[in-house]
């Protein structure tokens, strides 16, 4: 791949290549930011902010406590928390001690948690009390030696933190009983670490920073080995792309969980390097509460997935918020739908810019220019130092306009899957090209457009039907809130299109859906099966899980 038509469409000031020598590691980013922006707020949650200076002190104390406990560089430590102040403190503390962070979804079932802890070999875990009973249930099977527990309000100002903890435990009964007799309270570890020395740790570019587990949509969840080089590179790539933002003057809304790679890099690392304040939303599913939080701050940036933006647009009071400071809205994780993007622009006056990435690319790979004025249906241009191309069935490179598998190469591409060389070999070739599993095409200008996941493609009488297209069309119907499209077996055509719809208006009928589909989709793309539901199954970041829809259909 030598031709890079996308470079001519870069915004002014965005370099073709990034300079990786600016930082030595993720820890270097954090330590430089804490020194440069010492007195500025770094993270805020439930009205309590900690400054970069406080983050420096608290994470240093936790690192010292970890070293004192006997944890050594390269050991794995799991983080099982929603967006609360303890997350960045624990995560940076662990890294300063040279540990590998294993991000863990706090909503994991016992089976999912056991798999991740055993697979990663995690020696330690930091867990919020609300989910500690799940940790207790796997203690006999997991390699855990150290458990640190914390309550959601532990780092909040008094009396707010104590009151919140009391309400969650005794009023809402949101903290199931658990027994972990050898566990240490996170706050106690911070106190202990304050009195202990912190031994310097040498961290190399090729050392693993995160074991970031993929969602398991293609089988057993695998840990992507993301090195310090991967993470530093992606932070620099994204920061270069967002050159219009002001250092030390941004406030980003972080509703996607920091344990997810999108928010981890785009919100936490990029905006820390900018000296920005991250406003952590602990429970974005409480949409009225979320909108109320948004009303308390003059935010300048927000990231999210299509379902989050759609939910905000359909929550009372959102359209009354002050958007005068908003300068960056980034959508990723799943396809942004035209209907949502257009309504977002209408309500906020700011373009919803679509980006594309994978856990395996740390995650950003393609982003639309931040100067984009309107939704264009593309995932954007390959970012600095990134190559992208479309490969056909036999591995040949395809020209612009043809559909094949999107392949990526760049310094943000993972080292491989943890202890799974065979799985790594399936997606990563000897030249460093990553097979994404996404069907895409490139325009003559170098913009890339996702057609769909290979495995999600529906085959109707030999014709390829891409669920994204069906969903995008139907989502524009004024009475449809959300829609998922899947293939259903059919004896005549092999498969037919089935759609599962959540109504925005209860009066919506199958006949209306059929009439709308007939008007907007060619025959074989139209749904032959229509099902109405109260909600769609979603991942922890709000991505519609077509796999579960398919399982429900065959059950």
Protein backbone atom coordinates (compact mmCIF):
# COMPACT_ATOMS: atom_id res chain seq x y z
CA UNK A 1 0.00 0.00 0.00
CA UNK A 2 1.78 3.12 -1.21
CA UNK A 3 -1.08 5.32 -2.39
CA UNK A 4 -2.60 7.34 0.48
CA UNK A 5 -5.30 9.55 -1.03
CA UNK A 6 -6.59 10.43 2.44
CA UNK A 7 -3.58 12.63 3.28
CA UNK A 8 -4.76 15.43 0.98
CA UNK A 9 -7.99 15.69 2.99
CA UNK A 10 -6.35 16.09 6.40
CA UNK A 11 -7.37 19.24 8.25
CA UNK A 12 -4.78 22.00 8.42
CA UNK A 13 -2.10 21.22 11.00
CA UNK A 14 -2.71 17.45 11.18
CA UNK A 15 0.60 15.68 10.44
CA UNK A 16 0.97 12.64 8.17
CA UNK A 17 3.13 11.04 10.87
CA UNK A 18 3.27 11.40 14.64
CA UNK A 19 6.44 11.72 16.70
CA UNK A 20 6.47 8.79 19.12
CA UNK A 21 9.44 10.17 21.07
CA UNK A 22 7.33 12.70 22.99
CA UNK A 23 6.56 10.23 25.79
CA UNK A 24 8.24 7.07 27.13
CA UNK A 25 5.07 5.40 28.46
CA UNK A 26 1.48 5.97 29.60
CA UNK A 27 2.95 6.79 33.03
CA UNK A 28 5.03 9.52 31.40
CA UNK A 29 1.87 11.11 29.96
CA UNK A 30 0.24 11.09 33.38
CA UNK A 31 3.25 12.39 35.29
CA UNK A 32 3.93 15.21 32.81
CA UNK A 33 0.25 16.24 32.87
CA UNK A 34 0.16 16.21 36.68
CA UNK A 35 3.20 18.48 36.78
CA UNK A 36 2.04 20.85 34.04
CA UNK A 37 -1.58 21.16 35.16
CA UNK A 38 -1.03 20.61 38.89
CA UNK A 39 -3.83 22.82 40.20
CA UNK A 40 -6.41 22.20 37.48
CA UNK A 41 -9.28 19.72 38.02
CA UNK A 42 -8.52 16.37 36.35
CA UNK A 43 -11.56 14.24 37.19
CA UNK A 44 -14.94 15.16 38.63
CA UNK A 45 -17.68 12.87 39.91
CA UNK A 46 -20.91 13.66 41.81
CA UNK A 47 -19.74 17.25 42.29
CA UNK A 48 -16.30 16.37 43.74
CA UNK A 49 -13.23 17.17 41.67
CA UNK A 50 -9.66 16.00 42.17
CA UNK A 51 -6.85 18.08 40.70
CA UNK A 52 -3.97 16.73 38.66
CA UNK A 53 -1.82 17.29 41.74
CA UNK A 54 -4.15 15.19 43.91
CA UNK A 55 -4.22 12.49 41.23
CA UNK A 56 -0.43 12.46 41.32
CA UNK A 57 -0.34 12.09 45.11
CA UNK A 58 -3.11 9.50 45.42
CA UNK A 59 -1.88 7.31 42.56
CA UNK A 60 1.65 7.46 43.97
CA UNK A 61 0.34 6.28 47.34
CA UNK A 62 -1.53 3.37 45.77
CA UNK A 63 1.54 2.39 43.75
CA UNK A 64 3.62 2.30 46.94
CA UNK A 65 0.98 0.15 48.67
CA UNK A 66 0.99 -2.29 45.74
CA UNK A 67 4.76 -2.59 45.82
CA UNK A 68 4.70 -3.11 49.58
CA UNK A 69 2.15 -5.92 49.14
CA UNK A 70 4.65 -7.77 46.95
CA UNK A 71 3.24 -7.08 43.48
CA UNK A 72 5.99 -6.88 40.87
CA UNK A 73 6.31 -5.22 37.43
CA UNK A 74 4.45 -7.29 34.83
CA UNK A 75 1.91 -8.67 37.33
CA UNK A 76 -1.71 -8.24 36.28
CA UNK A 77 -4.26 -6.29 38.32
CA UNK A 78 -7.98 -6.20 37.43
CA UNK A 79 -10.06 -3.02 37.74
CA UNK A 80 -13.75 -3.74 38.31
CA UNK A 81 -15.36 -0.32 38.67
CA UNK A 82 -17.78 2.02 36.94
CA UNK A 83 -16.80 5.65 36.29
CA UNK A 84 -15.78 6.85 39.75
CA UNK A 85 -12.74 8.77 41.02
CA UNK A 86 -11.12 5.58 42.29
CA UNK A 87 -10.69 4.29 38.73
CA UNK A 88 -8.06 6.79 37.47
CA UNK A 89 -6.32 6.74 40.86
CA UNK A 90 -6.08 2.93 40.91
CA UNK A 91 -5.26 2.62 37.20
CA UNK A 92 -2.40 5.13 37.23
CA UNK A 93 -1.20 3.83 40.59
CA UNK A 94 -1.00 0.30 39.20
CA UNK A 95 0.92 1.52 36.15
CA UNK A 96 3.37 3.49 38.27
CA UNK A 97 4.15 0.21 40.04
CA UNK A 98 4.79 -1.38 36.62
CA UNK A 99 1.65 -3.54 36.68
CA UNK A 100 -0.52 -4.55 33.72
CA UNK A 101 -4.10 -3.29 34.03
CA UNK A 102 -6.87 -5.77 33.18
CA UNK A 103 -10.02 -3.72 32.64
CA UNK A 104 -13.07 -5.62 33.85
CA UNK A 105 -16.74 -4.90 33.28
CA UNK A 106 -18.34 -4.61 36.75
CA UNK A 107 -21.54 -6.17 35.39
CA UNK A 108 -19.76 -9.42 34.51
CA UNK A 109 -21.41 -12.62 35.61
CA UNK A 110 -19.48 -15.14 37.69
CA UNK A 111 -18.63 -17.14 34.53
CA UNK A 112 -17.33 -14.10 32.63
CA UNK A 113 -15.29 -12.82 35.58
CA UNK A 114 -13.77 -16.22 36.28
CA UNK A 115 -12.70 -16.56 32.63
CA UNK A 116 -11.03 -13.15 32.56
CA UNK A 117 -9.22 -13.55 35.90
CA UNK A 118 -8.00 -17.07 35.11
CA UNK A 119 -7.03 -16.20 31.52
CA UNK A 120 -5.12 -13.06 32.53
CA UNK A 121 -3.58 -14.59 35.65
CA UNK A 122 -4.52 -11.48 37.63
CA UNK A 123 -2.94 -11.47 41.10
CA UNK A 124 -4.96 -8.50 42.34
CA UNK A 125 -8.28 -6.74 41.81
CA UNK A 126 -9.83 -3.41 42.80
CA UNK A 127 -13.60 -3.84 43.04
CA UNK A 128 -16.55 -1.67 44.04
CA UNK A 129 -18.56 -3.11 46.95
CA UNK A 130 -21.66 -3.44 44.74
CA UNK A 131 -19.95 -6.22 42.76
CA UNK A 132 -17.67 -7.73 45.41
CA UNK A 133 -20.03 -10.70 45.89
CA UNK A 134 -19.17 -11.81 42.34
CA UNK A 135 -15.46 -11.64 43.18
CA UNK A 136 -16.15 -13.70 46.31
CA UNK A 137 -17.84 -16.38 44.18
CA UNK A 138 -14.68 -16.93 42.07
CA UNK A 139 -12.01 -16.70 44.79
CA UNK A 140 -11.54 -20.47 44.94
CA UNK A 141 -10.90 -20.72 41.18
CA UNK A 142 -9.14 -17.45 40.34
CA UNK A 143 -5.44 -16.71 40.94
CA UNK A 144 -6.27 -13.62 43.05
CA UNK A 145 -4.00 -12.97 46.03
CA UNK A 146 -4.92 -9.34 46.77
CA UNK A 147 -8.37 -7.75 46.80
CA UNK A 148 -9.00 -4.03 47.34
CA UNK A 149 -12.62 -3.03 47.95
CA UNK A 150 -14.17 0.41 47.75
CA UNK A 151 -17.57 2.07 48.00
CA UNK A 152 -18.73 4.39 45.22
CA UNK A 153 -18.59 7.51 47.40
CA UNK A 154 -15.25 6.82 49.11
CA UNK A 155 -13.32 9.63 47.40
CA UNK A 156 -16.18 12.15 47.40
CA UNK A 157 -16.21 15.11 49.77
CA UNK A 158 -17.80 14.71 53.20
CA UNK A 159 -20.70 14.41 53.88
CA UNK A 160 -21.76 13.67 50.29
CA UNK A 161 -19.67 10.50 49.95
CA UNK A 162 -20.82 9.02 53.25
CA UNK A 163 -24.45 9.86 52.47
CA UNK A 164 -24.26 8.30 49.00
CA UNK A 165 -22.69 5.14 50.41
CA UNK A 166 -25.40 4.89 53.08
CA UNK A 167 -28.21 5.34 50.53
CA UNK A 168 -26.78 2.78 48.10
CA UNK A 169 -26.27 0.18 50.82
CA UNK A 170 -29.20 0.64 53.16
CA UNK A 171 -31.91 2.41 51.16
CA UNK A 172 -31.49 1.13 47.60
CA UNK A 173 -30.03 -2.21 48.77
CA UNK A 174 -27.55 -1.95 45.88
CA UNK A 175 -24.69 -3.62 47.77
CA UNK A 176 -25.25 -7.39 48.12
CA UNK A 177 -23.61 -8.98 51.15
CA UNK A 178 -20.16 -10.44 50.58
CA UNK A 179 -17.36 -11.93 52.62
CA UNK A 180 -13.75 -11.30 51.58
CA UNK A 181 -11.84 -11.53 54.89
CA UNK A 182 -8.40 -10.85 53.41
CA UNK A 183 -9.52 -7.81 51.38
CA UNK A 184 -8.13 -4.35 52.15
CA UNK A 185 -10.16 -1.17 51.82
CA UNK A 186 -8.88 1.00 48.98
CA UNK A 187 -8.86 4.08 51.23
CA UNK A 188 -6.77 2.16 53.79
CA UNK A 189 -4.27 1.21 51.06
CA UNK A 190 -3.94 4.90 50.14
CA UNK A 191 -3.29 5.82 53.78
CA UNK A 192 -0.74 3.01 54.10
CA UNK A 193 1.02 3.96 50.88
CA UNK A 194 1.43 7.56 51.94
CA UNK A 195 3.95 6.45 54.58
CA UNK A 196 5.84 4.13 52.21
CA UNK A 197 8.59 4.82 49.65
CA UNK A 198 7.88 4.30 45.95
CA UNK A 199 10.64 2.38 44.20
CA UNK A 200 11.35 3.61 40.66
CA UNK A 201 10.18 1.25 37.92
CA UNK A 202 11.61 1.02 34.41
CA UNK A 203 8.80 0.79 31.84
CA UNK A 204 9.62 0.05 28.21
CA UNK A 205 7.65 0.92 25.08
CA UNK A 206 7.04 -2.77 24.36
CA UNK A 207 5.84 -3.55 27.89
CA UNK A 208 2.13 -4.36 28.12
CA UNK A 209 0.05 -1.51 29.58
CA UNK A 210 -3.39 -3.10 29.31
CA UNK A 211 -4.90 -6.50 28.72
CA UNK A 212 -8.07 -5.26 27.08
CA UNK A 213 -10.58 -8.07 26.61
CA UNK A 214 -12.67 -8.08 23.47
CA UNK A 215 -16.40 -8.49 23.92
CA UNK A 216 -16.31 -12.13 22.92
CA UNK A 217 -18.66 -11.56 19.97
CA UNK A 218 -16.62 -14.04 17.93
CA UNK A 219 -16.26 -16.66 20.66
CA UNK A 220 -14.31 -16.69 23.92
CA UNK A 221 -13.23 -13.23 25.12
CA UNK A 222 -9.56 -12.65 24.28
CA UNK A 223 -7.14 -10.23 25.91
CA UNK A 224 -5.65 -7.79 23.42
CA UNK A 225 -2.10 -6.95 24.53
CA UNK A 226 -1.91 -3.17 24.28
CA UNK A 227 1.61 -1.94 24.91
CA UNK A 228 2.72 1.44 26.22
CA UNK A 229 3.79 2.18 22.64
CA UNK A 230 0.31 1.34 21.33
CA UNK A 231 -1.41 3.58 23.88
CA UNK A 232 1.04 6.50 23.59
CA UNK A 233 0.78 6.33 19.79
CA UNK A 234 -3.00 6.36 19.77
CA UNK A 235 -3.15 9.19 22.29
CA UNK A 236 -0.80 11.25 20.10
CA UNK A 237 -2.72 10.35 16.93
CA UNK A 238 -6.06 11.40 18.42
CA UNK A 239 -4.59 14.52 20.03
CA UNK A 240 -3.14 15.61 16.68
CA UNK A 241 -6.54 15.09 15.05
CA UNK A 242 -8.22 17.26 17.69
CA UNK A 243 -5.81 20.13 17.16
CA UNK A 244 -8.61 22.71 17.43
CA UNK A 245 -9.04 22.00 21.14
CA UNK A 246 -7.38 24.27 23.71
CA UNK A 247 -4.80 22.99 26.17
CA UNK A 248 -5.96 23.53 29.74
CA UNK A 249 -9.41 24.77 28.77
CA UNK A 250 -11.57 21.74 27.95
CA UNK A 251 -14.26 19.86 29.89
CA UNK A 252 -15.22 16.45 28.51
CA UNK A 253 -18.27 14.42 29.48
CA UNK A 254 -17.22 10.81 30.10
CA UNK A 255 -20.33 8.67 30.07
CA UNK A 256 -18.82 5.64 28.37
CA UNK A 257 -17.03 3.53 30.99
CA UNK A 258 -13.30 4.13 31.38
CA UNK A 259 -12.77 0.36 31.44
CA UNK A 260 -13.82 0.41 27.77
CA UNK A 261 -11.02 1.17 25.32
CA UNK A 262 -12.90 4.03 23.61
CA UNK A 263 -13.27 6.17 26.75
CA UNK A 264 -9.94 4.99 28.16
CA UNK A 265 -7.96 6.46 25.26
CA UNK A 266 -10.23 9.16 23.83
CA UNK A 267 -11.39 10.64 27.13
CA UNK A 268 -8.90 9.66 29.81
CA UNK A 269 -5.51 9.77 28.06
CA UNK A 270 -6.10 12.31 25.29
CA UNK A 271 -7.85 14.81 27.52
CA UNK A 272 -5.37 14.33 30.37
CA UNK A 273 -2.60 15.27 27.92
CA UNK A 274 -4.66 18.38 27.10
CA UNK A 275 -4.99 19.26 30.81
CA UNK A 276 -8.76 18.88 30.53
CA UNK A 277 -11.35 18.00 33.15
CA UNK A 278 -13.08 14.62 32.78
CA UNK A 279 -16.62 14.69 34.19
CA UNK A 280 -17.31 11.07 35.10
CA UNK A 281 -20.90 9.86 34.71
CA UNK A 282 -21.29 6.80 36.94
CA UNK A 283 -24.69 5.65 35.67
CA UNK A 284 -25.51 7.05 32.20
CA UNK A 285 -28.48 4.69 31.95
CA UNK A 286 -30.29 7.01 34.34
CA UNK A 287 -31.00 9.43 31.49
CA UNK A 288 -32.92 12.08 33.50
CA UNK A 289 -30.07 12.09 36.04
CA UNK A 290 -27.51 12.25 33.24
CA UNK A 291 -29.20 15.26 31.64
CA UNK A 292 -29.37 16.92 35.07
CA UNK A 293 -25.58 16.46 35.42
CA UNK A 294 -25.03 17.93 31.96
CA UNK A 295 -26.95 21.00 33.08
CA UNK A 296 -24.44 21.67 35.88
CA UNK A 297 -21.37 22.24 33.70
CA UNK A 298 -20.41 24.14 30.57
CA UNK A 299 -18.92 21.16 28.77
CA UNK A 300 -16.86 21.46 25.60
CA UNK A 301 -16.63 17.83 24.44
CA UNK A 302 -18.49 14.54 24.66
CA UNK A 303 -17.93 11.06 23.25
CA UNK A 304 -20.49 8.29 22.91
CA UNK A 305 -22.13 5.60 20.85
CA UNK A 306 -25.17 5.98 18.62
CA UNK A 307 -27.58 4.58 21.23
CA UNK A 308 -26.33 7.05 23.88
CA UNK A 309 -26.77 10.07 21.59
CA UNK A 310 -30.19 8.79 20.54
CA UNK A 311 -31.25 8.31 24.18
CA UNK A 312 -30.11 11.83 25.11
CA UNK A 313 -32.06 13.31 22.21
CA UNK A 314 -35.16 11.51 23.47
CA UNK A 315 -34.76 12.60 27.12
CA UNK A 316 -36.80 15.54 28.38
CA UNK A 317 -34.72 18.64 29.03
CA UNK A 318 -31.77 17.72 26.85
CA UNK A 319 -32.75 20.18 24.13
CA UNK A 320 -32.82 22.96 26.75
CA UNK A 321 -29.15 22.56 27.76
CA UNK A 322 -26.46 25.15 27.06
CA UNK A 323 -24.42 23.91 24.09
CA UNK A 324 -22.56 27.19 23.54
CA UNK A 325 -19.25 25.73 24.71
CA UNK A 326 -19.53 22.41 22.84
CA UNK A 327 -16.76 22.02 20.27
CA UNK A 328 -16.25 18.28 19.84
CA UNK A 329 -18.73 15.41 19.59
CA UNK A 330 -17.24 12.06 18.69
CA UNK A 331 -19.27 8.94 17.95
CA UNK A 332 -17.79 5.44 17.71
CA UNK A 333 -18.20 1.86 18.93
CA UNK A 334 -20.97 1.21 16.39
CA UNK A 335 -22.31 2.87 13.27
CA UNK A 336 -23.71 6.36 13.76
CA UNK A 337 -27.12 6.54 12.10
CA UNK A 338 -27.98 9.40 9.78
CA UNK A 339 -31.26 10.14 11.58
CA UNK A 340 -29.44 10.47 14.92
CA UNK A 341 -26.57 12.55 13.49
CA UNK A 342 -28.93 14.95 11.74
CA UNK A 343 -31.14 15.41 14.81
CA UNK A 344 -28.06 15.91 17.00
CA UNK A 345 -26.87 18.74 14.73
CA UNK A 346 -30.37 20.23 14.74
CA UNK A 347 -30.62 20.24 18.56
CA UNK A 348 -27.04 21.13 19.54
CA UNK A 349 -25.73 22.98 16.50
CA UNK A 350 -22.61 20.78 16.56
CA UNK A 351 -21.71 18.04 14.06
CA UNK A 352 -21.59 14.49 15.43
CA UNK A 353 -18.27 13.29 13.97
CA UNK A 354 -18.05 9.55 13.39
CA UNK A 355 -14.88 7.64 14.22
CA UNK A 356 -13.86 4.01 13.88
CA UNK A 357 -11.66 1.78 15.94
CA UNK A 358 -11.22 -1.59 17.56
CA UNK A 359 -9.97 -2.88 20.86
CA UNK A 360 -7.08 -4.26 18.79
CA UNK A 361 -6.13 -0.75 17.58
CA UNK A 362 -6.12 0.98 20.98
CA UNK A 363 -8.78 1.94 19.53
CA UNK A 364 -8.72 4.83 17.02
CA UNK A 365 -7.94 4.00 13.38
CA UNK A 366 -10.15 6.28 11.25
CA UNK A 367 -11.81 9.58 12.17
CA UNK A 368 -13.71 12.06 10.05
CA UNK A 369 -12.16 15.54 9.82
CA UNK A 370 -13.22 17.67 12.79
CA UNK A 371 -14.09 20.37 10.24
CA UNK A 372 -16.87 18.15 8.85
CA UNK A 373 -20.10 20.12 8.61
CA UNK A 374 -22.61 17.34 8.05
CA UNK A 375 -23.00 13.58 8.45
CA UNK A 376 -21.37 11.80 5.49
CA UNK A 377 -22.00 8.12 6.28
CA UNK A 378 -18.26 7.40 6.44
CA UNK A 379 -16.01 6.33 9.31
CA UNK A 380 -13.51 8.93 8.14
CA UNK A 381 -9.87 8.98 7.09
CA UNK A 382 -7.01 6.84 8.45
CA UNK A 383 -5.39 8.94 11.18
CA UNK A 384 -1.72 9.98 11.30
CA UNK A 385 0.84 7.14 10.91
CA UNK A 386 -1.99 4.76 9.94
CA UNK A 387 -2.36 2.77 6.73
CA UNK A 388 -5.65 1.26 5.63
CA UNK A 389 -6.69 -0.86 2.68
CA UNK A 390 -9.42 -3.16 1.39
CA UNK A 391 -8.61 -6.82 0.73
CA UNK A 392 -10.58 -9.27 -1.38
CA UNK A 393 -11.36 -12.92 -0.64
CA UNK A 394 -7.96 -14.14 -1.80
CA UNK A 395 -6.04 -11.42 0.03
CA UNK A 396 -5.50 -9.09 -2.94
CA UNK A 397 -5.71 -5.31 -2.46
CA UNK A 398 -8.89 -3.89 -4.01
CA UNK A 399 -9.23 -0.49 -5.70
CA UNK A 400 -11.44 2.36 -4.50
CA UNK A 401 -15.15 1.64 -4.76
CA UNK A 402 -14.92 -2.13 -4.24
CA UNK A 403 -16.09 -3.90 -1.09
CA UNK A 404 -13.80 -6.20 0.88
CA UNK A 405 -12.27 -6.62 4.33
CA UNK A 406 -10.82 -3.52 5.96
CA UNK A 407 -7.18 -4.04 7.01
CA UNK A 408 -5.14 -1.66 9.15
CA UNK A 409 -1.50 -1.07 10.01
CA UNK A 410 0.06 1.41 12.41
CA UNK A 411 1.82 1.89 15.77
CA UNK A 412 -1.51 1.54 17.60
CA UNK A 413 -2.10 -2.06 16.42
CA UNK A 414 -1.90 -4.51 19.33
CA UNK A 415 1.00 -6.81 20.06
CA UNK A 416 -1.39 -9.79 19.77
CA UNK A 417 -3.86 -11.73 21.90
CA UNK A 418 -2.64 -12.76 25.35
CA UNK A 419 -1.36 -16.36 25.26
CA UNK A 420 -3.28 -17.09 22.03
CA UNK A 421 -0.76 -17.24 19.17
CA UNK A 422 -3.16 -19.14 16.90
CA UNK A 423 -5.87 -16.49 17.32
CA UNK A 424 -3.29 -13.75 16.81
CA UNK A 425 -2.12 -15.35 13.55
CA UNK A 426 -5.71 -15.31 12.22
CA UNK A 427 -5.91 -11.50 12.38
CA UNK A 428 -2.33 -10.21 12.31
CA UNK A 429 0.05 -11.00 9.44
CA UNK A 430 3.86 -10.90 9.33
CA UNK A 431 3.83 -7.40 7.86
CA UNK A 432 1.76 -5.99 10.71
CA UNK A 433 -1.58 -5.80 8.88
CA UNK A 434 -4.63 -6.36 11.09
CA UNK A 435 -7.70 -8.00 9.55
CA UNK A 436 -10.65 -6.19 11.14
CA UNK A 437 -13.44 -8.54 10.10
CA UNK A 438 -15.35 -5.47 8.86
CA UNK A 439 -16.55 -5.24 5.28
CA UNK A 440 -15.75 -1.80 3.90
CA UNK A 441 -14.95 0.26 0.84
CA UNK A 442 -12.73 3.28 0.17
CA UNK A 443 -13.84 6.28 -1.84
CA UNK A 444 -11.56 7.92 -4.43
CA UNK A 445 -10.81 10.62 -1.84
CA UNK A 446 -9.60 8.10 0.74
CA UNK A 447 -12.63 8.11 3.01
CA UNK A 448 -13.65 4.69 4.31
CA UNK A 449 -17.18 3.43 4.68
CA UNK A 450 -18.12 0.36 6.71
CA UNK A 451 -20.60 -1.87 4.94
CA UNK A 452 -20.87 -4.36 7.83
CA UNK A 453 -19.30 -7.08 9.91
CA UNK A 454 -18.54 -10.16 7.83
CA UNK A 455 -20.39 -12.41 10.25
CA UNK A 456 -23.44 -10.11 10.44
CA UNK A 457 -24.00 -10.13 6.69
CA UNK A 458 -27.34 -11.62 5.62
CA UNK A 459 -27.43 -13.70 2.44
CA UNK A 460 -30.82 -13.49 0.68
CA UNK A 461 -31.02 -15.60 -2.48
CA UNK A 462 -27.34 -14.96 -3.16
CA UNK A 463 -27.61 -11.22 -2.52
CA UNK A 464 -25.64 -9.64 0.35
CA UNK A 465 -27.76 -7.62 2.77
CA UNK A 466 -25.91 -5.50 5.32
CA UNK A 467 -27.80 -4.99 8.60
CA UNK A 468 -26.33 -1.49 9.10
CA UNK A 469 -28.11 -0.29 5.97
CA UNK A 470 -31.48 -1.75 6.99
CA UNK A 471 -31.13 -0.35 10.53
CA UNK A 472 -30.06 3.07 9.26
CA UNK A 473 -33.06 3.35 6.96
CA UNK A 474 -35.66 2.19 9.49
CA UNK A 475 -34.18 4.28 12.32
CA UNK A 476 -35.14 7.38 10.33
CA UNK A 477 -38.86 6.50 10.75
CA UNK A 478 -40.37 9.02 13.18
CA UNK A 479 -42.11 6.28 15.22
CA UNK A 480 -39.04 4.03 15.63
CA UNK A 481 -36.70 4.51 18.60
CA UNK A 482 -34.23 1.67 17.98
CA UNK A 483 -33.89 -1.21 15.55
CA UNK A 484 -31.72 -4.29 15.14
CA UNK A 485 -31.56 -6.31 11.92
CA UNK A 486 -30.50 -9.95 11.64
CA UNK A 487 -30.82 -12.85 9.24
CA UNK A 488 -33.41 -15.56 9.86
CA UNK A 489 -33.21 -18.96 8.12
CA UNK A 490 -35.66 -19.41 5.25
CA UNK A 491 -36.23 -22.54 3.16
CA UNK A 492 -36.77 -20.57 -0.03
CA UNK A 493 -34.12 -17.85 0.01
CA UNK A 494 -31.62 -19.24 2.53
CA UNK A 495 -32.18 -16.27 4.81
CA UNK A 496 -34.62 -13.41 5.14
CA UNK A 497 -34.22 -10.10 6.94
CA UNK A 498 -35.73 -9.90 10.41
CA UNK A 499 -35.95 -6.63 12.34
CA UNK A 500 -36.53 -6.17 16.06
CA UNK A 501 -37.95 -2.73 16.80
CA UNK A 502 -38.40 -0.58 19.91
CA UNK A 503 -41.24 1.87 19.30
CA UNK A 504 -40.98 5.60 19.92
CA UNK A 505 -44.73 5.87 19.29
CA UNK A 506 -47.03 3.05 20.45
CA UNK A 507 -49.27 3.50 17.42
CA UNK A 508 -46.61 2.08 15.08
CA UNK A 509 -47.84 -1.00 13.18
CA UNK A 510 -46.22 -3.70 11.06
CA UNK A 511 -48.01 -2.31 8.03
CA UNK A 512 -46.38 1.09 8.55
CA UNK A 513 -42.93 -0.52 8.83
CA UNK A 514 -43.55 -2.54 5.67
CA UNK A 515 -44.74 0.52 3.75
CA UNK A 516 -41.71 2.53 4.86
CA UNK A 517 -39.33 -0.30 3.96
CA UNK A 518 -40.97 -0.67 0.56
CA UNK A 519 -40.43 3.01 -0.06
CA UNK A 520 -36.77 3.01 0.99
CA UNK A 521 -35.31 -0.47 0.40
CA UNK A 522 -35.11 -2.74 -2.60
CA UNK A 523 -37.09 -6.00 -2.38
CA UNK A 524 -34.54 -8.43 -0.99
CA UNK A 525 -33.41 -5.95 1.68
CA UNK A 526 -36.89 -5.46 3.13
CA UNK A 527 -37.71 -7.18 6.44
CA UNK A 528 -39.89 -10.25 6.07
CA UNK A 529 -40.17 -10.70 9.84
CA UNK A 530 -40.97 -7.81 12.18
CA UNK A 531 -40.90 -8.09 15.96
CA UNK A 532 -41.64 -5.38 18.52
CA UNK A 533 -39.89 -5.35 21.89
CA UNK A 534 -39.57 -3.03 24.88
CA UNK A 535 -35.76 -2.99 24.61
CA UNK A 536 -32.85 -4.41 22.63
CA UNK A 537 -29.94 -6.36 24.13
CA UNK A 538 -26.85 -4.15 24.38
CA UNK A 539 -23.21 -4.36 25.40
CA UNK A 540 -21.83 -2.39 28.34
CA UNK A 541 -21.28 0.64 26.07
CA UNK A 542 -24.69 0.47 24.40
CA UNK A 543 -23.85 -1.39 21.20
CA UNK A 544 -26.83 -3.45 19.98
CA UNK A 545 -25.90 -7.13 20.27
CA UNK A 546 -27.11 -8.76 17.06
CA UNK A 547 -25.64 -12.05 18.29
CA UNK A 548 -28.17 -12.11 21.15
CA UNK A 549 -30.98 -11.20 18.77
CA UNK A 550 -29.96 -14.15 16.61
CA UNK A 551 -29.79 -16.47 19.62
CA UNK A 552 -33.26 -15.33 20.71
CA UNK A 553 -34.61 -16.10 17.25
CA UNK A 554 -33.25 -19.65 17.21
CA UNK A 555 -34.05 -20.47 20.85
